[in-house]
Amino acid sequence: MVIVLGMTFVCEIISYLLQIILLGVQVDVISFVKIIAIEMLYNMMIVIIIYPILQKAGKLIEKVFTEDKTLTKYF
């Protein structure tokens, strides 16, 4: 979850800097901090919900690909 929070922070900083440079957006630190905080919490909640589903799916896929497939039962 720390990685998700860090990546959200970095991506939002880069996005905001590009908006300032390319579009000439006025710098408003207070609203920017609020937006970053909300997006970090939102992304963290999404990861909390989706990560167990991805983990279970990964285990099932791993089981399918690593199971021993012998043809001795057909002979």
C-alpha atoms as a PDB file:
ATOM      1  CA  MET A   1       0.000   0.000   0.000  1.00  0.00           C
ATOM      2  CA  VAL A   2       2.945   2.283   0.596  1.00  0.00           C
ATOM      3  CA  ILE A   3       3.953   1.815  -3.037  1.00  0.00           C
ATOM      4  CA  VAL A   4       0.461   2.817  -4.194  1.00  0.00           C
ATOM      5  CA  LEU A   5       0.514   5.900  -1.998  1.00  0.00           C
ATOM      6  CA  GLY A   6       3.972   6.858  -3.246  1.00  0.00           C
ATOM      7  CA  MET A   7       3.110   6.340  -6.894  1.00  0.00           C
ATOM      8  CA  THR A   8      -0.101   8.349  -6.543  1.00  0.00           C
ATOM      9  CA  PHE A   9       1.855  11.178  -4.947  1.00  0.00           C
ATOM     10  CA  VAL A  10       4.546  11.155  -7.646  1.00  0.00           C
ATOM     11  CA  CYS A  11       2.042  10.971 -10.517  1.00  0.00           C
ATOM     12  CA  GLU A  12      -0.042  13.825  -9.129  1.00  0.00           C
ATOM     13  CA  ILE A  13       3.052  16.008  -8.610  1.00  0.00           C
ATOM     14  CA  ILE A  14       4.149  15.368 -12.203  1.00  0.00           C
ATOM     15  CA  SER A  15       0.632  16.039 -13.498  1.00  0.00           C
ATOM     16  CA  TYR A  16       0.364  19.287 -11.561  1.00  0.00           C
ATOM     17  CA  LEU A  17       3.796  20.468 -12.696  1.00  0.00           C
ATOM     18  CA  LEU A  18       2.905  19.751 -16.329  1.00  0.00           C
ATOM     19  CA  GLN A  19      -0.348  21.681 -15.947  1.00  0.00           C
ATOM     20  CA  ILE A  20       1.573  24.641 -14.504  1.00  0.00           C
ATOM     21  CA  ILE A  21       4.192  24.581 -17.257  1.00  0.00           C
ATOM     22  CA  LEU A  22       2.050  23.786 -20.298  1.00  0.00           C
ATOM     23  CA  LEU A  23      -1.310  25.315 -19.447  1.00  0.00           C
ATOM     24  CA  GLY A  24      -0.257  28.133 -17.147  1.00  0.00           C
ATOM     25  CA  VAL A  25      -2.465  27.028 -14.259  1.00  0.00           C
ATOM     26  CA  GLN A  26      -2.197  29.159 -11.126  1.00  0.00           C
ATOM     27  CA  VAL A  27      -0.380  27.507  -8.222  1.00  0.00           C
ATOM     28  CA  ASP A  28      -2.763  26.775  -5.332  1.00  0.00           C
ATOM     29  CA  VAL A  29      -1.018  24.636  -2.734  1.00  0.00           C
ATOM     30  CA  ILE A  30      -3.930  24.167  -0.312  1.00  0.00           C
ATOM     31  CA  SER A  31      -6.348  22.777  -2.896  1.00  0.00           C
ATOM     32  CA  PHE A  32      -3.550  20.665  -4.406  1.00  0.00           C
ATOM     33  CA  VAL A  33      -2.795  19.066  -1.029  1.00  0.00           C
ATOM     34  CA  LYS A  34      -6.509  18.322  -0.534  1.00  0.00           C
ATOM     35  CA  ILE A  35      -6.749  16.704  -3.977  1.00  0.00           C
ATOM     36  CA  ILE A  36      -3.643  14.581  -3.361  1.00  0.00           C
ATOM     37  CA  ALA A  37      -4.914  13.441   0.042  1.00  0.00           C
ATOM     38  CA  ILE A  38      -8.300  12.410  -1.351  1.00  0.00           C
ATOM     39  CA  GLU A  39      -6.771  10.582  -4.318  1.00  0.00           C
ATOM     40  CA  MET A  40      -4.246   8.761  -2.131  1.00  0.00           C
ATOM     41  CA  LEU A  41      -7.013   7.538   0.194  1.00  0.00           C
ATOM     42  CA  TYR A  42      -9.189   6.530  -2.756  1.00  0.00           C
ATOM     43  CA  ASN A  43      -6.392   4.551  -4.419  1.00  0.00           C
ATOM     44  CA  MET A  44      -5.506   2.900  -1.110  1.00  0.00           C
ATOM     45  CA  MET A  45      -9.120   1.756  -0.649  1.00  0.00           C
ATOM     46  CA  ILE A  46      -9.205   0.361  -4.183  1.00  0.00           C
ATOM     47  CA  VAL A  47      -6.028  -1.633  -3.515  1.00  0.00           C
ATOM     48  CA  ILE A  48      -7.414  -2.944  -0.210  1.00  0.00           C
ATOM     49  CA  ILE A  49     -10.503  -4.232  -2.037  1.00  0.00           C
ATOM     50  CA  ILE A  50      -8.920  -5.561  -5.242  1.00  0.00           C
ATOM     51  CA  TYR A  51      -5.602  -7.014  -3.981  1.00  0.00           C
ATOM     52  CA  PRO A  52      -7.094 -10.152  -2.337  1.00  0.00           C
ATOM     53  CA  ILE A  53      -9.055 -10.893  -5.524  1.00  0.00           C
ATOM     54  CA  LEU A  54      -5.909 -10.611  -7.648  1.00  0.00           C
ATOM     55  CA  GLN A  55      -3.984 -12.757  -5.179  1.00  0.00           C
ATOM     56  CA  LYS A  56      -6.577 -15.562  -5.304  1.00  0.00           C
ATOM     57  CA  ALA A  57      -6.728 -15.410  -9.095  1.00  0.00           C
ATOM     58  CA  GLY A  58      -2.932 -15.595  -9.259  1.00  0.00           C
ATOM     59  CA  LYS A  59      -2.874 -18.690  -7.063  1.00  0.00           C
ATOM     60  CA  LEU A  60      -5.478 -20.400  -9.255  1.00  0.00           C
ATOM     61  CA  ILE A  61      -3.576 -19.568 -12.428  1.00  0.00           C
ATOM     62  CA  GLU A  62      -0.322 -20.768 -10.872  1.00  0.00           C
ATOM     63  CA  LYS A  63      -2.003 -24.046  -9.922  1.00  0.00           C
ATOM     64  CA  VAL A  64      -3.206 -24.556 -13.502  1.00  0.00           C
ATOM     65  CA  PHE A  65       0.220 -23.952 -15.024  1.00  0.00           C
ATOM     66  CA  THR A  66       2.298 -25.893 -12.474  1.00  0.00           C
ATOM     67  CA  GLU A  67       0.203 -29.038 -12.136  1.00  0.00           C
ATOM     68  CA  ASP A  68       1.914 -32.201 -13.287  1.00  0.00           C
ATOM     69  CA  LYS A  69       0.446 -33.351 -16.573  1.00  0.00           C
ATOM     70  CA  THR A  70       1.416 -36.943 -17.167  1.00  0.00           C
ATOM     71  CA  LEU A  71      -0.043 -39.073 -19.892  1.00  0.00           C
ATOM     72  CA  THR A  72       0.333 -42.395 -18.046  1.00  0.00           C
ATOM     73  CA  LYS A  73      -3.387 -42.688 -17.400  1.00  0.00           C
ATOM     74  CA  TYR A  74      -4.043 -42.866 -21.132  1.00  0.00           C
ATOM     75  CA  PHE A  75      -1.728 -45.817 -21.831  1.00  0.00           C
END
